Amino acid sequence: MKRMLFIFLFFVYMVSFSEASSINRLPLEKLSGLSDVIVVAEVAEVVPDGEFDRVTIRVLSALKGLPKERRITIMLHTRGGLKDFDPRLRVNQKGVFFLKKTSGGYKKTFWGSFAIFEKPNFE
């Protein structure tokens, strides 16, 4: 019984000094500064591609930067774990997308760098 109590107390002691994983947060005011393009867009197409979704959005208006393209495709990690915490988007969803220009097109500025509108409030 004493041995079990000792093991339990030792375990509690060790856990109190261990660190949990942490998530790097990015304040919203920094997100806009890091983005090359901020657009209000509608999800036009979602194509599963392994652990990713290839999401094509149709630009409705630009809040920052003016992309030449009216349709932009981005890759979102949606399966195989919580990498990047990307939600699964559906066709016809609308939202604000914070994007960075790349040599091949665009990518999300930071994980979770878009906000999807709730339908009842923004139809």
PDB file of N, CA and C in Angstrom:
ATOM      1  N   MET A   1       0.825  -1.192   0.000  1.00  0.00           N
ATOM      2  CA  MET A   1       0.000   0.000   0.000  1.00  0.00           C
ATOM      3  C   MET A   1       0.872   1.260   0.000  1.00  0.00           C
ATOM      4  N   LYS A   2       1.948   1.264   0.834  1.00  0.00           N
ATOM      5  CA  LYS A   2       2.851   2.415   0.875  1.00  0.00           C
ATOM      6  C   LYS A   2       3.547   2.595  -0.464  1.00  0.00           C
ATOM      7  N   ARG A   3       3.866   1.468  -1.074  1.00  0.00           N
ATOM      8  CA  ARG A   3       4.543   1.543  -2.368  1.00  0.00           C
ATOM      9  C   ARG A   3       3.633   2.178  -3.416  1.00  0.00           C
ATOM     10  N   MET A   4       2.367   1.804  -3.441  1.00  0.00           N
ATOM     11  CA  MET A   4       1.407   2.378  -4.387  1.00  0.00           C
ATOM     12  C   MET A   4       1.238   3.874  -4.140  1.00  0.00           C
ATOM     13  N   LEU A   5       1.180   4.263  -2.878  1.00  0.00           N
ATOM     14  CA  LEU A   5       1.058   5.674  -2.546  1.00  0.00           C
ATOM     15  C   LEU A   5       2.294   6.443  -3.007  1.00  0.00           C
ATOM     16  N   PHE A   6       3.486   5.865  -2.803  1.00  0.00           N
ATOM     17  CA  PHE A   6       4.728   6.493  -3.236  1.00  0.00           C
ATOM     18  C   PHE A   6       4.746   6.663  -4.753  1.00  0.00           C
ATOM     19  N   ILE A   7       4.340   5.626  -5.483  1.00  0.00           N
ATOM     20  CA  ILE A   7       4.315   5.690  -6.951  1.00  0.00           C
ATOM     21  C   ILE A   7       3.338   6.760  -7.420  1.00  0.00           C
ATOM     22  N   PHE A   8       2.171   6.806  -6.785  1.00  0.00           N
ATOM     23  CA  PHE A   8       1.177   7.810  -7.148  1.00  0.00           C
ATOM     24  C   PHE A   8       1.709   9.223  -6.906  1.00  0.00           C
ATOM     25  N   LEU A   9       2.305   9.451  -5.728  1.00  0.00           N
ATOM     26  CA  LEU A   9       2.833  10.777  -5.409  1.00  0.00           C
ATOM     27  C   LEU A   9       3.983  11.155  -6.331  1.00  0.00           C
ATOM     28  N   PHE A  10       4.830  10.199  -6.668  1.00  0.00           N
ATOM     29  CA  PHE A  10       5.927  10.446  -7.595  1.00  0.00           C
ATOM     30  C   PHE A  10       5.377  10.841  -8.972  1.00  0.00           C
ATOM     31  N   PHE A  11       4.343  10.122  -9.418  1.00  0.00           N
ATOM     32  CA  PHE A  11       3.725  10.416 -10.705  1.00  0.00           C
ATOM     33  C   PHE A  11       3.138  11.830 -10.707  1.00  0.00           C
ATOM     34  N   VAL A  12       2.419  12.198  -9.660  1.00  0.00           N
ATOM     35  CA  VAL A  12       1.830  13.525  -9.560  1.00  0.00           C
ATOM     36  C   VAL A  12       2.922  14.593  -9.558  1.00  0.00           C
ATOM     37  N   TYR A  13       4.015  14.337  -8.845  1.00  0.00           N
ATOM     38  CA  TYR A  13       5.137  15.267  -8.784  1.00  0.00           C
ATOM     39  C   TYR A  13       5.744  15.463 -10.172  1.00  0.00           C
ATOM     40  N   MET A  14       5.970  14.390 -10.890  1.00  0.00           N
ATOM     41  CA  MET A  14       6.581  14.483 -12.220  1.00  0.00           C
ATOM     42  C   MET A  14       5.647  15.185 -13.219  1.00  0.00           C
ATOM     43  N   VAL A  15       4.366  14.909 -13.147  1.00  0.00           N
ATOM     44  CA  VAL A  15       3.419  15.532 -14.066  1.00  0.00           C
ATOM     45  C   VAL A  15       3.353  17.033 -13.828  1.00  0.00           C
ATOM     46  N   SER A  16       3.498  17.453 -12.587  1.00  0.00           N
ATOM     47  CA  SER A  16       3.409  18.887 -12.290  1.00  0.00           C
ATOM     48  C   SER A  16       4.560  19.668 -12.919  1.00  0.00           C
ATOM     49  N   PHE A  17       5.674  19.017 -13.227  1.00  0.00           N
ATOM     50  CA  PHE A  17       6.810  19.699 -13.850  1.00  0.00           C
ATOM     51  C   PHE A  17       6.867  19.513 -15.360  1.00  0.00           C
ATOM     52  N   SER A  18       6.041  18.649 -15.887  1.00  0.00           N
ATOM     53  CA  SER A  18       6.073  18.443 -17.334  1.00  0.00           C
ATOM     54  C   SER A  18       5.287  19.552 -18.017  1.00  0.00           C
ATOM     55  N   GLU A  19       5.632  19.813 -19.273  1.00  0.00           N
ATOM     56  CA  GLU A  19       4.964  20.853 -20.048  1.00  0.00           C
ATOM     57  C   GLU A  19       4.072  20.217 -21.090  1.00  0.00           C
ATOM     58  N   ALA A  20       2.898  20.748 -21.233  1.00  0.00           N
ATOM     59  CA  ALA A  20       2.004  20.308 -22.299  1.00  0.00           C
ATOM     60  C   ALA A  20       2.422  21.004 -23.586  1.00  0.00           C
ATOM     61  N   SER A  21       1.985  20.452 -24.693  1.00  0.00           N
ATOM     62  CA  SER A  21       2.284  21.132 -25.955  1.00  0.00           C
ATOM     63  C   SER A  21       1.531  22.452 -25.974  1.00  0.00           C
ATOM     64  N   SER A  22       2.077  23.396 -26.670  1.00  0.00           N
ATOM     65  CA  SER A  22       1.425  24.700 -26.739  1.00  0.00           C
ATOM     66  C   SER A  22       1.151  25.052 -28.196  1.00  0.00           C
ATOM     67  N   ILE A  23       0.169  25.897 -28.375  1.00  0.00           N
ATOM     68  CA  ILE A  23      -0.211  26.338 -29.709  1.00  0.00           C
ATOM     69  C   ILE A  23       0.252  27.776 -29.859  1.00  0.00           C
ATOM     70  N   ASN A  24       0.975  28.040 -30.921  1.00  0.00           N
ATOM     71  CA  ASN A  24       1.390  29.412 -31.194  1.00  0.00           C
ATOM     72  C   ASN A  24       0.193  30.184 -31.727  1.00  0.00           C
ATOM     73  N   ARG A  25      -0.164  31.231 -31.025  1.00  0.00           N
ATOM     74  CA  ARG A  25      -1.300  32.048 -31.446  1.00  0.00           C
ATOM     75  C   ARG A  25      -0.798  33.274 -32.193  1.00  0.00           C
ATOM     76  N   LEU A  26      -1.630  33.756 -33.072  1.00  0.00           N
ATOM     77  CA  LEU A  26      -1.310  34.956 -33.827  1.00  0.00           C
ATOM     78  C   LEU A  26      -2.486  35.915 -33.669  1.00  0.00           C
ATOM     79  N   PRO A  27      -2.258  37.071 -33.047  1.00  0.00           N
ATOM     80  CA  PRO A  27      -3.360  38.018 -32.885  1.00  0.00           C
ATOM     81  C   PRO A  27      -3.901  38.476 -34.239  1.00  0.00           C
ATOM     82  N   LEU A  28      -5.189  38.765 -34.275  1.00  0.00           N
ATOM     83  CA  LEU A  28      -5.843  39.144 -35.524  1.00  0.00           C
ATOM     84  C   LEU A  28      -5.207  40.376 -36.164  1.00  0.00           C
ATOM     85  N   GLU A  29      -4.772  41.336 -35.350  1.00  0.00           N
ATOM     86  CA  GLU A  29      -4.174  42.545 -35.936  1.00  0.00           C
ATOM     87  C   GLU A  29      -2.866  42.229 -36.661  1.00  0.00           C
ATOM     88  N   LYS A  30      -2.156  41.202 -36.237  1.00  0.00           N
ATOM     89  CA  LYS A  30      -0.931  40.807 -36.945  1.00  0.00           C
ATOM     90  C   LYS A  30      -1.252  40.001 -38.197  1.00  0.00           C
ATOM     91  N   LEU A  31      -2.353  39.262 -38.160  1.00  0.00           N
ATOM     92  CA  LEU A  31      -2.740  38.444 -39.309  1.00  0.00           C
ATOM     93  C   LEU A  31      -2.971  39.303 -40.544  1.00  0.00           C
ATOM     94  N   SER A  32      -3.637  40.420 -40.374  1.00  0.00           N
ATOM     95  CA  SER A  32      -3.891  41.277 -41.542  1.00  0.00           C
ATOM     96  C   SER A  32      -2.590  41.871 -42.075  1.00  0.00           C
ATOM     97  N   GLY A  33      -1.650  42.205 -41.188  1.00  0.00           N
ATOM     98  CA  GLY A  33      -0.374  42.757 -41.633  1.00  0.00           C
ATOM     99  C   GLY A  33       0.490  41.745 -42.369  1.00  0.00           C
ATOM    100  N   LEU A  34       0.360  40.467 -42.030  1.00  0.00           N
ATOM    101  CA  LEU A  34       1.144  39.414 -42.670  1.00  0.00           C
ATOM    102  C   LEU A  34       0.531  38.936 -43.982  1.00  0.00           C
ATOM    103  N   SER A  35      -0.711  39.293 -44.226  1.00  0.00           N
ATOM    104  CA  SER A  35      -1.419  38.833 -45.420  1.00  0.00           C
ATOM    105  C   SER A  35      -1.162  39.764 -46.595  1.00  0.00           C
ATOM    106  N   ASP A  36      -0.946  39.171 -47.761  1.00  0.00           N
ATOM    107  CA  ASP A  36      -0.815  39.956 -48.990  1.00  0.00           C
ATOM    108  C   ASP A  36      -2.188  40.318 -49.531  1.00  0.00           C
ATOM    109  N   VAL A  37      -3.130  39.403 -49.329  1.00  0.00           N
ATOM    110  CA  VAL A  37      -4.472  39.560 -49.866  1.00  0.00           C
ATOM    111  C   VAL A  37      -5.477  39.138 -48.799  1.00  0.00           C
ATOM    112  N   ILE A  38      -6.515  39.953 -48.620  1.00  0.00           N
ATOM    113  CA  ILE A  38      -7.641  39.585 -47.761  1.00  0.00           C
ATOM    114  C   ILE A  38      -8.885  39.741 -48.618  1.00  0.00           C
ATOM    115  N   VAL A  39      -9.638  38.644 -48.780  1.00  0.00           N
ATOM    116  CA  VAL A  39     -10.808  38.677 -49.656  1.00  0.00           C
ATOM    117  C   VAL A  39     -12.038  38.116 -48.961  1.00  0.00           C
ATOM    118  N   VAL A  40     -13.180  38.612 -49.366  1.00  0.00           N
ATOM    119  CA  VAL A  40     -14.450  37.977 -49.045  1.00  0.00           C
ATOM    120  C   VAL A  40     -14.721  37.071 -50.235  1.00  0.00           C
ATOM    121  N   ALA A  41     -14.959  35.797 -49.953  1.00  0.00           N
ATOM    122  CA  ALA A  41     -15.087  34.837 -51.049  1.00  0.00           C
ATOM    123  C   ALA A  41     -16.097  33.758 -50.709  1.00  0.00           C
ATOM    124  N   GLU A  42     -16.503  33.047 -51.760  1.00  0.00           N
ATOM    125  CA  GLU A  42     -17.421  31.929 -51.635  1.00  0.00           C
ATOM    126  C   GLU A  42     -16.692  30.661 -52.069  1.00  0.00           C
ATOM    127  N   VAL A  43     -16.880  29.581 -51.328  1.00  0.00           N
ATOM    128  CA  VAL A  43     -16.257  28.308 -51.694  1.00  0.00           C
ATOM    129  C   VAL A  43     -16.966  27.779 -52.938  1.00  0.00           C
ATOM    130  N   ALA A  44     -16.206  27.638 -54.011  1.00  0.00           N
ATOM    131  CA  ALA A  44     -16.765  27.194 -55.289  1.00  0.00           C
ATOM    132  C   ALA A  44     -16.596  25.685 -55.493  1.00  0.00           C
ATOM    133  N   GLU A  45     -15.490  25.123 -54.982  1.00  0.00           N
ATOM    134  CA  GLU A  45     -15.212  23.700 -55.214  1.00  0.00           C
ATOM    135  C   GLU A  45     -14.318  23.171 -54.098  1.00  0.00           C
ATOM    136  N   VAL A  46     -14.581  21.934 -53.679  1.00  0.00           N
ATOM    137  CA  VAL A  46     -13.748  21.242 -52.696  1.00  0.00           C
ATOM    138  C   VAL A  46     -13.426  19.869 -53.272  1.00  0.00           C
ATOM    139  N   VAL A  47     -12.118  19.603 -53.480  1.00  0.00           N
ATOM    140  CA  VAL A  47     -11.690  18.327 -54.044  1.00  0.00           C
ATOM    141  C   VAL A  47     -10.778  17.637 -53.044  1.00  0.00           C
ATOM    142  N   PRO A  48     -11.204  16.472 -52.497  1.00  0.00           N
ATOM    143  CA  PRO A  48     -10.326  15.730 -51.577  1.00  0.00           C
ATOM    144  C   PRO A  48      -9.070  15.268 -52.314  1.00  0.00           C
ATOM    145  N   ASP A  49      -7.926  15.381 -51.630  1.00  0.00           N
ATOM    146  CA  ASP A  49      -6.645  15.011 -52.219  1.00  0.00           C
ATOM    147  C   ASP A  49      -5.775  14.424 -51.110  1.00  0.00           C
ATOM    148  N   GLY A  50      -5.980  13.146 -50.799  1.00  0.00           N
ATOM    149  CA  GLY A  50      -5.249  12.508 -49.702  1.00  0.00           C
ATOM    150  C   GLY A  50      -5.677  13.105 -48.372  1.00  0.00           C
ATOM    151  N   GLU A  51      -4.713  13.611 -47.599  1.00  0.00           N
ATOM    152  CA  GLU A  51      -5.010  14.239 -46.316  1.00  0.00           C
ATOM    153  C   GLU A  51      -5.450  15.691 -46.467  1.00  0.00           C
ATOM    154  N   PHE A  52      -5.466  16.181 -47.684  1.00  0.00           N
ATOM    155  CA  PHE A  52      -5.767  17.583 -47.949  1.00  0.00           C
ATOM    156  C   PHE A  52      -7.084  17.737 -48.700  1.00  0.00           C
ATOM    157  N   ASP A  53      -7.597  18.948 -48.659  1.00  0.00           N
ATOM    158  CA  ASP A  53      -8.681  19.360 -49.547  1.00  0.00           C
ATOM    159  C   ASP A  53      -8.130  20.486 -50.407  1.00  0.00           C
ATOM    160  N   ARG A  54      -8.343  20.378 -51.708  1.00  0.00           N
ATOM    161  CA  ARG A  54      -7.993  21.462 -52.633  1.00  0.00           C
ATOM    162  C   ARG A  54      -9.257  22.306 -52.761  1.00  0.00           C
ATOM    163  N   VAL A  55      -9.222  23.490 -52.166  1.00  0.00           N
ATOM    164  CA  VAL A  55     -10.404  24.344 -52.082  1.00  0.00           C
ATOM    165  C   VAL A  55     -10.257  25.515 -53.043  1.00  0.00           C
ATOM    166  N   THR A  56     -11.234  25.676 -53.925  1.00  0.00           N
ATOM    167  CA  THR A  56     -11.258  26.808 -54.842  1.00  0.00           C
ATOM    168  C   THR A  56     -12.314  27.786 -54.344  1.00  0.00           C
ATOM    169  N   ILE A  57     -11.876  29.034 -54.170  1.00  0.00           N
ATOM    170  CA  ILE A  57     -12.801  30.074 -53.724  1.00  0.00           C
ATOM    171  C   ILE A  57     -13.017  31.070 -54.862  1.00  0.00           C
ATOM    172  N   ARG A  58     -14.199  31.652 -54.897  1.00  0.00           N
ATOM    173  CA  ARG A  58     -14.536  32.672 -55.882  1.00  0.00           C
ATOM    174  C   ARG A  58     -14.553  34.014 -55.158  1.00  0.00           C
ATOM    175  N   VAL A  59     -13.671  34.905 -55.548  1.00  0.00           N
ATOM    176  CA  VAL A  59     -13.525  36.201 -54.890  1.00  0.00           C
ATOM    177  C   VAL A  59     -14.752  37.063 -55.171  1.00  0.00           C
ATOM    178  N   LEU A  60     -15.375  37.544 -54.092  1.00  0.00           N
ATOM    179  CA  LEU A  60     -16.524  38.440 -54.216  1.00  0.00           C
ATOM    180  C   LEU A  60     -16.100  39.896 -54.071  1.00  0.00           C
ATOM    181  N   SER A  61     -15.157  40.146 -53.141  1.00  0.00           N
ATOM    182  CA  SER A  61     -14.601  41.493 -52.984  1.00  0.00           C
ATOM    183  C   SER A  61     -13.258  41.390 -52.274  1.00  0.00           C
ATOM    184  N   ALA A  62     -12.427  42.385 -52.494  1.00  0.00           N
ATOM    185  CA  ALA A  62     -11.093  42.416 -51.887  1.00  0.00           C
ATOM    186  C   ALA A  62     -11.078  43.457 -50.776  1.00  0.00           C
ATOM    187  N   LEU A  63     -10.560  43.071 -49.621  1.00  0.00           N
ATOM    188  CA  LEU A  63     -10.411  43.995 -48.503  1.00  0.00           C
ATOM    189  C   LEU A  63      -8.983  44.531 -48.427  1.00  0.00           C
ATOM    190  N   LYS A  64      -8.037  43.750 -48.935  1.00  0.00           N
ATOM    191  CA  LYS A  64      -6.639  44.173 -49.002  1.00  0.00           C
ATOM    192  C   LYS A  64      -6.013  43.503 -50.212  1.00  0.00           C
ATOM    193  N   GLY A  65      -5.281  44.264 -50.989  1.00  0.00           N
ATOM    194  CA  GLY A  65      -4.690  43.717 -52.203  1.00  0.00           C
ATOM    195  C   GLY A  65      -5.794  43.404 -53.201  1.00  0.00           C
ATOM    196  N   LEU A  66      -5.483  43.392 -54.425  1.00  0.00           N
ATOM    197  CA  LEU A  66      -6.484  43.063 -55.446  1.00  0.00           C
ATOM    198  C   LEU A  66      -5.929  41.932 -56.298  1.00  0.00           C
ATOM    199  N   PRO A  67      -6.363  40.704 -55.998  1.00  0.00           N
ATOM    200  CA  PRO A  67      -5.840  39.586 -56.798  1.00  0.00           C
ATOM    201  C   PRO A  67      -6.341  39.674 -58.238  1.00  0.00           C
ATOM    202  N   LYS A  68      -5.470  39.340 -59.175  1.00  0.00           N
ATOM    203  CA  LYS A  68      -5.859  39.326 -60.589  1.00  0.00           C
ATOM    204  C   LYS A  68      -6.869  38.198 -60.827  1.00  0.00           C
ATOM    205  N   GLU A  69      -6.669  37.107 -60.088  1.00  0.00           N
ATOM    206  CA  GLU A  69      -7.519  35.945 -60.248  1.00  0.00           C
ATOM    207  C   GLU A  69      -8.845  36.156 -59.515  1.00  0.00           C
ATOM    208  N   ARG A  70      -9.931  35.747 -60.146  1.00  0.00           N
ATOM    209  CA  ARG A  70     -11.235  35.796 -59.476  1.00  0.00           C
ATOM    210  C   ARG A  70     -11.519  34.465 -58.790  1.00  0.00           C
ATOM    211  N   ARG A  71     -10.744  33.436 -59.146  1.00  0.00           N
ATOM    212  CA  ARG A  71     -10.846  32.122 -58.501  1.00  0.00           C
ATOM    213  C   ARG A  71      -9.457  31.766 -57.974  1.00  0.00           C
ATOM    214  N   ILE A  72      -9.385  31.409 -56.715  1.00  0.00           N
ATOM    215  CA  ILE A  72      -8.109  31.088 -56.063  1.00  0.00           C
ATOM    216  C   ILE A  72      -8.235  29.702 -55.438  1.00  0.00           C
ATOM    217  N   THR A  73      -7.197  28.880 -55.614  1.00  0.00           N
ATOM    218  CA  THR A  73      -7.187  27.544 -55.022  1.00  0.00           C
ATOM    219  C   THR A  73      -6.150  27.491 -53.916  1.00  0.00           C
ATOM    220  N   ILE A  74      -6.555  26.964 -52.760  1.00  0.00           N
ATOM    221  CA  ILE A  74      -5.655  26.781 -51.619  1.00  0.00           C
ATOM    222  C   ILE A  74      -5.774  25.345 -51.128  1.00  0.00           C
ATOM    223  N   MET A  75      -4.716  24.853 -50.506  1.00  0.00           N
ATOM    224  CA  MET A  75      -4.707  23.503 -49.954  1.00  0.00           C
ATOM    225  C   MET A  75      -4.931  23.587 -48.446  1.00  0.00           C
ATOM    226  N   LEU A  76      -5.837  22.764 -47.941  1.00  0.00           N
ATOM    227  CA  LEU A  76      -6.118  22.712 -46.512  1.00  0.00           C
ATOM    228  C   LEU A  76      -5.904  21.296 -46.009  1.00  0.00           C
ATOM    229  N   HIS A  77      -5.183  21.164 -44.903  1.00  0.00           N
ATOM    230  CA  HIS A  77      -4.926  19.859 -44.284  1.00  0.00           C
ATOM    231  C   HIS A  77      -6.142  19.510 -43.430  1.00  0.00           C
ATOM    232  N   THR A  78      -6.969  18.586 -43.897  1.00  0.00           N
ATOM    233  CA  THR A  78      -8.246  18.319 -43.237  1.00  0.00           C
ATOM    234  C   THR A  78      -8.381  16.916 -42.659  1.00  0.00           C
ATOM    235  N   ARG A  79      -7.458  16.024 -42.976  1.00  0.00           N
ATOM    236  CA  ARG A  79      -7.532  14.659 -42.467  1.00  0.00           C
ATOM    237  C   ARG A  79      -6.161  14.215 -41.992  1.00  0.00           C
ATOM    238  N   GLY A  80      -6.134  13.106 -41.252  1.00  0.00           N
ATOM    239  CA  GLY A  80      -4.855  12.547 -40.810  1.00  0.00           C
ATOM    240  C   GLY A  80      -4.286  13.254 -39.595  1.00  0.00           C
ATOM    241  N   GLY A  81      -5.131  13.796 -38.750  1.00  0.00           N
ATOM    242  CA  GLY A  81      -4.653  14.473 -37.548  1.00  0.00           C
ATOM    243  C   GLY A  81      -5.007  15.939 -37.561  1.00  0.00           C
ATOM    244  N   LEU A  82      -4.551  16.637 -36.554  1.00  0.00           N
ATOM    245  CA  LEU A  82      -4.934  18.033 -36.380  1.00  0.00           C
ATOM    246  C   LEU A  82      -3.912  19.010 -36.927  1.00  0.00           C
ATOM    247  N   LYS A  83      -3.062  18.571 -37.819  1.00  0.00           N
ATOM    248  CA  LYS A  83      -2.054  19.474 -38.358  1.00  0.00           C
ATOM    249  C   LYS A  83      -2.710  20.699 -38.972  1.00  0.00           C
ATOM    250  N   ASP A  84      -2.308  21.857 -38.538  1.00  0.00           N
ATOM    251  CA  ASP A  84      -2.783  23.150 -39.023  1.00  0.00           C
ATOM    252  C   ASP A  84      -4.212  23.491 -38.614  1.00  0.00           C
ATOM    253  N   PHE A  85      -4.939  22.587 -38.003  1.00  0.00           N
ATOM    254  CA  PHE A  85      -6.291  22.867 -37.521  1.00  0.00           C
ATOM    255  C   PHE A  85      -7.200  23.431 -38.604  1.00  0.00           C
ATOM    256  N   ASP A  86      -7.089  22.931 -39.808  1.00  0.00           N
ATOM    257  CA  ASP A  86      -7.906  23.430 -40.905  1.00  0.00           C
ATOM    258  C   ASP A  86      -9.293  22.793 -40.861  1.00  0.00           C
ATOM    259  N   PRO A  87     -10.331  23.607 -40.958  1.00  0.00           N
ATOM    260  CA  PRO A  87     -11.680  23.040 -41.006  1.00  0.00           C
ATOM    261  C   PRO A  87     -11.993  22.530 -42.409  1.00  0.00           C
ATOM    262  N   ARG A  88     -12.959  21.664 -42.495  1.00  0.00           N
ATOM    263  CA  ARG A  88     -13.425  21.219 -43.803  1.00  0.00           C
ATOM    264  C   ARG A  88     -14.452  22.223 -44.297  1.00  0.00           C
ATOM    265  N   LEU A  89     -14.199  22.742 -45.455  1.00  0.00           N
ATOM    266  CA  LEU A  89     -15.112  23.725 -46.036  1.00  0.00           C
ATOM    267  C   LEU A  89     -16.075  23.022 -46.982  1.00  0.00           C
ATOM    268  N   ARG A  90     -17.227  23.654 -47.178  1.00  0.00           N
ATOM    269  CA  ARG A  90     -18.248  23.127 -48.070  1.00  0.00           C
ATOM    270  C   ARG A  90     -18.567  24.153 -49.154  1.00  0.00           C
ATOM    271  N   VAL A  91     -18.960  23.653 -50.291  1.00  0.00           N
ATOM    272  CA  VAL A  91     -19.348  24.517 -51.406  1.00  0.00           C
ATOM    273  C   VAL A  91     -20.470  25.447 -50.953  1.00  0.00           C
ATOM    274  N   ASN A  92     -20.401  26.681 -51.394  1.00  0.00           N
ATOM    275  CA  ASN A  92     -21.352  27.768 -51.120  1.00  0.00           C
ATOM    276  C   ASN A  92     -21.113  28.472 -49.784  1.00  0.00           C
ATOM    277  N   GLN A  93     -20.182  28.005 -48.957  1.00  0.00           N
ATOM    278  CA  GLN A  93     -19.873  28.749 -47.737  1.00  0.00           C
ATOM    279  C   GLN A  93     -19.164  30.038 -48.124  1.00  0.00           C
ATOM    280  N   LYS A  94     -19.462  31.112 -47.389  1.00  0.00           N
ATOM    281  CA  LYS A  94     -18.813  32.400 -47.634  1.00  0.00           C
ATOM    282  C   LYS A  94     -18.024  32.795 -46.399  1.00  0.00           C
ATOM    283  N   GLY A  95     -16.941  33.556 -46.625  1.00  0.00           N
ATOM    284  CA  GLY A  95     -16.136  34.002 -45.506  1.00  0.00           C
ATOM    285  C   GLY A  95     -15.055  34.972 -45.925  1.00  0.00           C
ATOM    286  N   VAL A  96     -14.227  35.307 -44.954  1.00  0.00           N
ATOM    287  CA  VAL A  96     -13.077  36.182 -45.181  1.00  0.00           C
ATOM    288  C   VAL A  96     -11.834  35.297 -45.166  1.00  0.00           C
ATOM    289  N   PHE A  97     -11.000  35.428 -46.175  1.00  0.00           N
ATOM    290  CA  PHE A  97      -9.808  34.605 -46.337  1.00  0.00           C
ATOM    291  C   PHE A  97      -8.566  35.490 -46.312  1.00  0.00           C
ATOM    292  N   PHE A  98      -7.637  35.196 -45.408  1.00  0.00           N
ATOM    293  CA  PHE A  98      -6.361  35.906 -45.293  1.00  0.00           C
ATOM    294  C   PHE A  98      -5.318  35.051 -46.019  1.00  0.00           C
ATOM    295  N   LEU A  99      -4.731  35.589 -47.082  1.00  0.00           N
ATOM    296  CA  LEU A  99      -3.861  34.795 -47.956  1.00  0.00           C
ATOM    297  C   LEU A  99      -2.506  35.449 -48.174  1.00  0.00           C
ATOM    298  N   LYS A 100      -1.503  34.597 -48.438  1.00  0.00           N
ATOM    299  CA  LYS A 100      -0.151  35.021 -48.808  1.00  0.00           C
ATOM    300  C   LYS A 100       0.072  34.621 -50.253  1.00  0.00           C
ATOM    301  N   LYS A 101       0.730  35.488 -51.000  1.00  0.00           N
ATOM    302  CA  LYS A 101       1.089  35.195 -52.392  1.00  0.00           C
ATOM    303  C   LYS A 101       2.292  34.251 -52.389  1.00  0.00           C
ATOM    304  N   THR A 102       2.256  33.244 -53.233  1.00  0.00           N
ATOM    305  CA  THR A 102       3.388  32.327 -53.417  1.00  0.00           C
ATOM    306  C   THR A 102       3.749  32.316 -54.895  1.00  0.00           C
ATOM    307  N   SER A 103       4.833  31.647 -55.215  1.00  0.00           N
ATOM    308  CA  SER A 103       5.229  31.583 -56.623  1.00  0.00           C
ATOM    309  C   SER A 103       4.203  30.825 -57.462  1.00  0.00           C
ATOM    310  N   GLY A 104       3.464  29.905 -56.827  1.00  0.00           N
ATOM    311  CA  GLY A 104       2.490  29.119 -57.576  1.00  0.00           C
ATOM    312  C   GLY A 104       1.049  29.568 -57.388  1.00  0.00           C
ATOM    313  N   GLY A 105       0.817  30.639 -56.667  1.00  0.00           N
ATOM    314  CA  GLY A 105      -0.556  31.093 -56.433  1.00  0.00           C
ATOM    315  C   GLY A 105      -0.697  31.710 -55.054  1.00  0.00           C
ATOM    316  N   TYR A 106      -1.523  31.082 -54.201  1.00  0.00           N
ATOM    317  CA  TYR A 106      -1.771  31.596 -52.863  1.00  0.00           C
ATOM    318  C   TYR A 106      -1.795  30.460 -51.853  1.00  0.00           C
ATOM    319  N   LYS A 107      -1.560  30.816 -50.601  1.00  0.00           N
ATOM    320  CA  LYS A 107      -1.707  29.880 -49.493  1.00  0.00           C
ATOM    321  C   LYS A 107      -2.288  30.669 -48.325  1.00  0.00           C
ATOM    322  N   LYS A 108      -2.814  29.951 -47.346  1.00  0.00           N
ATOM    323  CA  LYS A 108      -3.350  30.645 -46.178  1.00  0.00           C
ATOM    324  C   LYS A 108      -2.196  31.301 -45.434  1.00  0.00           C
ATOM    325  N   THR A 109      -2.425  32.457 -44.850  1.00  0.00           N
ATOM    326  CA  THR A 109      -1.373  33.192 -44.150  1.00  0.00           C
ATOM    327  C   THR A 109      -0.910  32.439 -42.918  1.00  0.00           C
ATOM    328  N   PHE A 110      -1.831  31.879 -42.180  1.00  0.00           N
ATOM    329  CA  PHE A 110      -1.556  31.200 -40.914  1.00  0.00           C
ATOM    330  C   PHE A 110      -2.669  30.187 -40.731  1.00  0.00           C
ATOM    331  N   TRP A 111      -2.450  29.149 -39.924  1.00  0.00           N
ATOM    332  CA  TRP A 111      -3.539  28.188 -39.734  1.00  0.00           C
ATOM    333  C   TRP A 111      -4.734  28.923 -39.144  1.00  0.00           C
ATOM    334  N   GLY A 112      -5.896  28.542 -39.589  1.00  0.00           N
ATOM    335  CA  GLY A 112      -7.114  29.195 -39.128  1.00  0.00           C
ATOM    336  C   GLY A 112      -7.249  30.620 -39.610  1.00  0.00           C
ATOM    337  N   SER A 113      -6.648  30.956 -40.743  1.00  0.00           N
ATOM    338  CA  SER A 113      -6.651  32.349 -41.187  1.00  0.00           C
ATOM    339  C   SER A 113      -7.806  32.661 -42.139  1.00  0.00           C
ATOM    340  N   PHE A 114      -8.954  32.090 -41.845  1.00  0.00           N
ATOM    341  CA  PHE A 114     -10.161  32.504 -42.537  1.00  0.00           C
ATOM    342  C   PHE A 114     -11.345  32.304 -41.602  1.00  0.00           C
ATOM    343  N   ALA A 115     -12.356  33.116 -41.805  1.00  0.00           N
ATOM    344  CA  ALA A 115     -13.558  33.075 -40.974  1.00  0.00           C
ATOM    345  C   ALA A 115     -14.757  32.857 -41.873  1.00  0.00           C
ATOM    346  N   ILE A 116     -15.470  31.776 -41.625  1.00  0.00           N
ATOM    347  CA  ILE A 116     -16.636  31.444 -42.431  1.00  0.00           C
ATOM    348  C   ILE A 116     -17.875  32.062 -41.788  1.00  0.00           C
ATOM    349  N   PHE A 117     -18.698  32.711 -42.599  1.00  0.00           N
ATOM    350  CA  PHE A 117     -19.923  33.330 -42.110  1.00  0.00           C
ATOM    351  C   PHE A 117     -20.969  32.263 -41.798  1.00  0.00           C
ATOM    352  N   GLU A 118     -21.705  32.486 -40.747  1.00  0.00           N
ATOM    353  CA  GLU A 118     -22.849  31.621 -40.441  1.00  0.00           C
ATOM    354  C   GLU A 118     -23.967  31.982 -41.406  1.00  0.00           C
ATOM    355  N   LYS A 119     -24.566  30.987 -42.037  1.00  0.00           N
ATOM    356  CA  LYS A 119     -25.565  31.238 -43.077  1.00  0.00           C
ATOM    357  C   LYS A 119     -26.762  32.069 -42.628  1.00  0.00           C
ATOM    358  N   PRO A 120     -27.389  31.783 -41.492  1.00  0.00           N
ATOM    359  CA  PRO A 120     -28.596  32.558 -41.167  1.00  0.00           C
ATOM    360  C   PRO A 120     -28.351  34.075 -41.073  1.00  0.00           C
ATOM    361  N   ASN A 121     -27.135  34.469 -40.730  1.00  0.00           N
ATOM    362  CA  ASN A 121     -26.866  35.885 -40.557  1.00  0.00           C
ATOM    363  C   ASN A 121     -26.366  36.578 -41.816  1.00  0.00           C
ATOM    364  N   PHE A 122     -25.896  35.829 -42.795  1.00  0.00           N
ATOM    365  CA  PHE A 122     -25.261  36.459 -43.960  1.00  0.00           C
ATOM    366  C   PHE A 122     -25.755  35.891 -45.283  1.00  0.00           C
ATOM    367  N   GLU A 123     -27.010  35.607 -45.403  1.00  0.00           N
ATOM    368  CA  GLU A 123     -27.526  35.098 -46.684  1.00  0.00           C
ATOM    369  C   GLU A 123     -28.043  36.218 -47.530  1.00  0.00           C
TER     370      GLU A 123
END
